[in-house]
N, C-alpha and C. Protein backbone atom coordinates (compact mmCIF):
# COMPACT_ATOMS: atom_id res chain seq x y z
N UNK A 1 -0.03 13.68 6.69
CA UNK A 1 0.37 13.81 5.29
C UNK A 1 -0.70 13.15 4.40
N UNK A 2 -1.12 13.83 3.38
CA UNK A 2 -2.13 13.33 2.47
C UNK A 2 -1.53 12.22 1.59
N UNK A 3 -2.22 11.11 1.51
CA UNK A 3 -1.77 10.00 0.68
C UNK A 3 -1.98 10.34 -0.80
N UNK A 4 -1.01 9.97 -1.63
CA UNK A 4 -1.17 10.22 -3.06
C UNK A 4 -2.29 9.37 -3.65
N UNK A 5 -2.71 8.34 -2.91
CA UNK A 5 -3.77 7.46 -3.39
C UNK A 5 -5.15 7.83 -2.87
N UNK A 6 -5.24 8.90 -2.09
CA UNK A 6 -6.49 9.27 -1.41
C UNK A 6 -7.70 9.33 -2.34
N UNK A 7 -7.53 9.87 -3.52
CA UNK A 7 -8.66 10.02 -4.44
C UNK A 7 -8.64 9.02 -5.59
N UNK A 8 -7.74 8.05 -5.53
CA UNK A 8 -7.63 7.08 -6.63
C UNK A 8 -8.80 6.10 -6.61
N UNK A 9 -9.26 5.79 -7.81
CA UNK A 9 -10.43 4.92 -7.95
C UNK A 9 -10.12 3.63 -8.69
N UNK A 10 -8.87 3.42 -9.07
CA UNK A 10 -8.52 2.20 -9.79
C UNK A 10 -7.28 2.41 -10.63
N UNK A 11 -7.16 1.58 -11.66
CA UNK A 11 -5.99 1.60 -12.53
C UNK A 11 -6.40 1.92 -13.96
N UNK A 12 -5.47 2.53 -14.67
CA UNK A 12 -5.66 2.81 -16.10
C UNK A 12 -4.49 2.16 -16.82
N UNK A 13 -4.79 1.41 -17.87
CA UNK A 13 -3.74 0.71 -18.59
C UNK A 13 -3.62 1.21 -20.02
N UNK A 14 -2.40 1.46 -20.41
CA UNK A 14 -2.05 1.75 -21.79
C UNK A 14 -1.59 0.42 -22.38
N UNK A 15 -2.17 0.00 -23.47
CA UNK A 15 -1.86 -1.32 -24.01
C UNK A 15 -0.37 -1.46 -24.35
N UNK A 16 0.25 -0.39 -24.79
CA UNK A 16 1.67 -0.44 -25.10
C UNK A 16 2.51 -0.72 -23.87
N UNK A 17 2.21 -0.04 -22.77
CA UNK A 17 2.97 -0.25 -21.54
C UNK A 17 2.73 -1.63 -20.96
N UNK A 18 1.50 -2.08 -20.94
CA UNK A 18 1.24 -3.40 -20.34
C UNK A 18 1.90 -4.49 -21.17
N UNK A 19 1.87 -4.36 -22.49
CA UNK A 19 2.54 -5.35 -23.34
C UNK A 19 4.05 -5.30 -23.17
N UNK A 20 4.61 -4.09 -23.05
CA UNK A 20 6.05 -3.93 -22.85
C UNK A 20 6.48 -4.59 -21.55
N UNK A 21 5.72 -4.37 -20.48
CA UNK A 21 6.06 -4.97 -19.19
C UNK A 21 6.02 -6.49 -19.27
N UNK A 22 5.05 -7.01 -19.99
CA UNK A 22 4.92 -8.46 -20.11
C UNK A 22 6.05 -9.05 -20.96
N UNK A 23 6.27 -8.50 -22.12
CA UNK A 23 7.27 -9.08 -23.03
C UNK A 23 8.70 -8.81 -22.61
N UNK A 24 8.96 -7.61 -22.13
CA UNK A 24 10.33 -7.25 -21.78
C UNK A 24 10.73 -7.75 -20.39
N UNK A 25 9.80 -7.72 -19.44
CA UNK A 25 10.14 -8.04 -18.05
C UNK A 25 9.35 -9.20 -17.47
N UNK A 26 8.41 -9.77 -18.26
CA UNK A 26 7.59 -10.90 -17.79
C UNK A 26 6.75 -10.55 -16.57
N UNK A 27 6.28 -9.29 -16.51
CA UNK A 27 5.44 -8.82 -15.41
C UNK A 27 4.04 -8.58 -15.96
N UNK A 28 3.05 -9.24 -15.36
CA UNK A 28 1.67 -9.09 -15.82
C UNK A 28 1.03 -7.85 -15.19
N UNK A 29 -0.04 -7.40 -15.79
CA UNK A 29 -0.79 -6.26 -15.25
C UNK A 29 -1.31 -6.58 -13.85
N UNK A 30 -1.76 -7.80 -13.66
CA UNK A 30 -2.25 -8.22 -12.35
C UNK A 30 -1.16 -8.12 -11.28
N UNK A 31 0.05 -8.54 -11.61
CA UNK A 31 1.16 -8.44 -10.65
C UNK A 31 1.45 -6.98 -10.31
N UNK A 32 1.39 -6.12 -11.30
CA UNK A 32 1.62 -4.68 -11.06
C UNK A 32 0.61 -4.14 -10.06
N UNK A 33 -0.63 -4.50 -10.22
CA UNK A 33 -1.67 -4.00 -9.32
C UNK A 33 -1.53 -4.58 -7.92
N UNK A 34 -1.11 -5.84 -7.82
CA UNK A 34 -0.98 -6.49 -6.51
C UNK A 34 -0.03 -5.75 -5.58
N UNK A 35 1.06 -5.21 -6.11
CA UNK A 35 2.06 -4.59 -5.23
C UNK A 35 1.49 -3.37 -4.50
N UNK A 36 0.46 -2.76 -5.03
CA UNK A 36 -0.13 -1.60 -4.37
C UNK A 36 -0.93 -1.99 -3.13
N UNK A 37 -1.30 -3.26 -3.03
CA UNK A 37 -2.14 -3.72 -1.93
C UNK A 37 -1.41 -4.59 -0.91
N UNK A 38 -0.21 -5.03 -1.23
CA UNK A 38 0.56 -5.90 -0.34
C UNK A 38 1.57 -5.08 0.44
N UNK A 39 1.43 -5.07 1.74
CA UNK A 39 2.32 -4.30 2.60
C UNK A 39 3.53 -5.14 2.98
N UNK A 40 4.67 -4.54 3.21
CA UNK A 40 4.91 -3.10 3.10
C UNK A 40 5.24 -2.70 1.66
N UNK A 41 5.00 -1.44 1.37
CA UNK A 41 5.44 -0.86 0.10
C UNK A 41 6.26 0.39 0.41
N UNK A 42 7.17 0.69 -0.48
CA UNK A 42 7.97 1.90 -0.37
C UNK A 42 7.69 2.73 -1.62
N UNK A 43 7.32 3.99 -1.42
CA UNK A 43 7.02 4.88 -2.54
C UNK A 43 7.94 6.09 -2.45
N UNK A 44 8.57 6.42 -3.55
CA UNK A 44 9.49 7.56 -3.62
C UNK A 44 9.15 8.40 -4.85
N UNK A 45 9.39 9.70 -4.75
CA UNK A 45 9.22 10.58 -5.90
C UNK A 45 10.25 10.22 -6.96
N UNK A 46 9.83 10.20 -8.20
CA UNK A 46 10.74 9.99 -9.33
C UNK A 46 10.99 11.36 -9.96
N UNK A 47 11.71 12.19 -9.23
CA UNK A 47 11.93 13.57 -9.67
C UNK A 47 12.68 13.65 -10.99
N UNK A 48 13.52 12.70 -11.27
CA UNK A 48 14.29 12.70 -12.52
C UNK A 48 13.38 12.63 -13.75
N UNK A 49 12.24 11.95 -13.62
CA UNK A 49 11.33 11.77 -14.75
C UNK A 49 9.99 12.48 -14.57
N UNK A 50 9.96 13.48 -13.71
CA UNK A 50 8.69 14.17 -13.41
C UNK A 50 8.60 15.55 -14.05
N UNK A 51 9.17 15.72 -15.20
CA UNK A 51 9.15 17.03 -15.85
C UNK A 51 7.76 17.40 -16.35
N UNK A 52 7.06 16.46 -17.01
CA UNK A 52 5.75 16.75 -17.58
C UNK A 52 4.59 16.40 -16.66
N UNK A 53 4.80 15.46 -15.75
CA UNK A 53 3.79 15.04 -14.78
C UNK A 53 4.50 14.41 -13.59
N UNK A 54 3.85 14.40 -12.44
CA UNK A 54 4.44 13.76 -11.27
C UNK A 54 4.51 12.26 -11.49
N UNK A 55 5.68 11.70 -11.19
CA UNK A 55 5.86 10.26 -11.26
C UNK A 55 6.44 9.78 -9.95
N UNK A 56 6.13 8.54 -9.63
CA UNK A 56 6.66 7.91 -8.44
C UNK A 56 7.15 6.52 -8.81
N UNK A 57 8.01 5.98 -7.95
CA UNK A 57 8.31 4.57 -8.08
C UNK A 57 7.99 3.87 -6.78
N UNK A 58 7.67 2.61 -6.91
CA UNK A 58 7.22 1.82 -5.78
C UNK A 58 8.04 0.54 -5.72
N UNK A 59 8.42 0.16 -4.52
CA UNK A 59 9.05 -1.14 -4.28
C UNK A 59 8.03 -1.95 -3.49
N UNK A 60 7.69 -3.13 -3.99
CA UNK A 60 6.69 -3.95 -3.31
C UNK A 60 6.72 -5.39 -3.78
N UNK A 61 5.81 -6.18 -3.19
CA UNK A 61 5.74 -7.62 -3.47
C UNK A 61 4.39 -8.00 -4.05
N UNK A 62 4.43 -8.99 -4.92
CA UNK A 62 3.19 -9.55 -5.47
C UNK A 62 2.63 -10.57 -4.49
N UNK A 63 1.48 -11.12 -4.82
CA UNK A 63 0.87 -12.16 -3.99
C UNK A 63 1.76 -13.40 -3.92
N UNK A 64 2.60 -13.60 -4.92
CA UNK A 64 3.51 -14.76 -4.97
C UNK A 64 4.91 -14.40 -4.48
N UNK A 65 5.04 -13.27 -3.77
CA UNK A 65 6.33 -12.80 -3.22
C UNK A 65 7.37 -12.49 -4.29
N UNK A 66 6.93 -12.01 -5.42
CA UNK A 66 7.86 -11.49 -6.43
C UNK A 66 8.10 -10.03 -6.08
N UNK A 67 9.35 -9.63 -6.02
CA UNK A 67 9.71 -8.27 -5.62
C UNK A 67 9.82 -7.40 -6.86
N UNK A 68 8.94 -6.38 -6.95
CA UNK A 68 8.87 -5.54 -8.15
C UNK A 68 9.21 -4.09 -7.89
N UNK A 69 9.74 -3.46 -8.91
CA UNK A 69 9.99 -2.02 -9.00
C UNK A 69 8.98 -1.52 -10.02
N UNK A 70 8.08 -0.62 -9.61
CA UNK A 70 7.01 -0.15 -10.49
C UNK A 70 7.05 1.37 -10.55
N UNK A 71 7.06 1.91 -11.76
CA UNK A 71 6.98 3.36 -11.97
C UNK A 71 5.55 3.67 -12.38
N UNK A 72 4.98 4.72 -11.76
CA UNK A 72 3.59 5.05 -12.05
C UNK A 72 3.36 6.54 -11.92
N UNK A 73 2.23 6.97 -12.45
CA UNK A 73 1.73 8.33 -12.30
C UNK A 73 0.25 8.22 -11.95
N UNK A 74 -0.36 9.33 -11.65
CA UNK A 74 -1.80 9.34 -11.38
C UNK A 74 -2.44 10.34 -12.34
N UNK A 75 -3.40 9.85 -13.11
CA UNK A 75 -4.14 10.68 -14.06
C UNK A 75 -5.63 10.51 -13.82
N UNK A 76 -6.30 11.61 -13.60
CA UNK A 76 -7.76 11.60 -13.41
C UNK A 76 -8.19 10.55 -12.40
N UNK A 77 -7.55 10.55 -11.23
CA UNK A 77 -7.87 9.63 -10.12
C UNK A 77 -7.63 8.16 -10.44
N UNK A 78 -6.81 7.88 -11.44
CA UNK A 78 -6.45 6.50 -11.78
C UNK A 78 -4.94 6.34 -11.74
N UNK A 79 -4.50 5.22 -11.20
CA UNK A 79 -3.08 4.89 -11.17
C UNK A 79 -2.71 4.34 -12.54
N UNK A 80 -1.74 4.96 -13.17
CA UNK A 80 -1.31 4.53 -14.50
C UNK A 80 0.11 3.99 -14.40
N UNK A 81 0.26 2.71 -14.65
CA UNK A 81 1.56 2.06 -14.59
C UNK A 81 2.35 2.43 -15.84
N UNK A 82 3.56 2.91 -15.62
CA UNK A 82 4.43 3.27 -16.73
C UNK A 82 5.37 2.12 -17.06
N UNK A 83 5.98 1.54 -16.03
CA UNK A 83 6.83 0.38 -16.25
C UNK A 83 6.93 -0.44 -14.97
N UNK A 84 7.28 -1.70 -15.15
CA UNK A 84 7.44 -2.60 -14.02
C UNK A 84 8.48 -3.66 -14.37
N UNK A 85 9.28 -4.01 -13.37
CA UNK A 85 10.32 -5.02 -13.55
C UNK A 85 10.67 -5.57 -12.18
N UNK A 86 11.46 -6.63 -12.17
CA UNK A 86 11.95 -7.16 -10.91
C UNK A 86 12.91 -6.16 -10.28
N UNK A 87 12.90 -6.09 -8.94
CA UNK A 87 13.85 -5.22 -8.23
C UNK A 87 15.27 -5.70 -8.52
N UNK A 88 16.18 -4.74 -8.63
CA UNK A 88 17.59 -5.11 -8.72
C UNK A 88 18.14 -5.33 -7.30
N UNK A 89 19.38 -5.70 -7.20
CA UNK A 89 19.97 -6.04 -5.91
C UNK A 89 19.92 -4.86 -4.93
N UNK A 90 20.25 -3.68 -5.39
CA UNK A 90 20.26 -2.50 -4.52
C UNK A 90 18.84 -2.17 -4.03
N UNK A 91 17.86 -2.23 -4.93
CA UNK A 91 16.47 -1.95 -4.56
C UNK A 91 15.97 -2.98 -3.55
N UNK A 92 16.36 -4.23 -3.74
CA UNK A 92 15.95 -5.29 -2.81
C UNK A 92 16.54 -5.03 -1.42
N UNK A 93 17.79 -4.56 -1.37
CA UNK A 93 18.43 -4.23 -0.09
C UNK A 93 17.69 -3.09 0.60
N UNK A 94 17.33 -2.05 -0.16
CA UNK A 94 16.57 -0.92 0.40
C UNK A 94 15.24 -1.41 0.95
N UNK A 95 14.55 -2.24 0.18
CA UNK A 95 13.26 -2.77 0.60
C UNK A 95 13.39 -3.58 1.89
N UNK A 96 14.38 -4.46 1.93
CA UNK A 96 14.58 -5.30 3.12
C UNK A 96 14.96 -4.48 4.34
N UNK A 97 15.73 -3.41 4.17
CA UNK A 97 16.07 -2.52 5.28
C UNK A 97 14.83 -1.84 5.85
N UNK A 98 13.93 -1.42 4.96
CA UNK A 98 12.69 -0.78 5.41
C UNK A 98 11.81 -1.76 6.18
N UNK A 99 11.79 -2.99 5.73
CA UNK A 99 11.01 -4.02 6.43
C UNK A 99 11.55 -4.19 7.85
N UNK A 100 12.86 -4.23 7.97
CA UNK A 100 13.49 -4.38 9.31
C UNK A 100 13.13 -3.22 10.21
N UNK A 101 13.10 -2.00 9.68
CA UNK A 101 12.76 -0.82 10.47
C UNK A 101 11.35 -0.90 11.02
N UNK A 102 10.44 -1.43 10.20
CA UNK A 102 9.03 -1.49 10.58
C UNK A 102 8.70 -2.67 11.49
N UNK A 103 9.64 -3.59 11.63
CA UNK A 103 9.38 -4.78 12.47
C UNK A 103 9.53 -4.49 13.94
């Protein structure tokens, strides 16, 4: 299966989104990027919000073990973060179940 990140070359930030994530959810741009590199990660299609472009959501951890839910798209080989927040209880359970499966 081809990875959605196969041709990605980095991140693209919209100042409005990065500020919103920081002020509303206290998530920095650096934390958002970290979850893409810290295994394990869970990526699912966000079909509900993919009308104009493909979107995905990711469950992952920062370098400081903060568990984040990140919505993103890919534009011109760049990962564009749409929103990021702490995982809710249900998302954390899903993430922990996946970790158990991979152990």
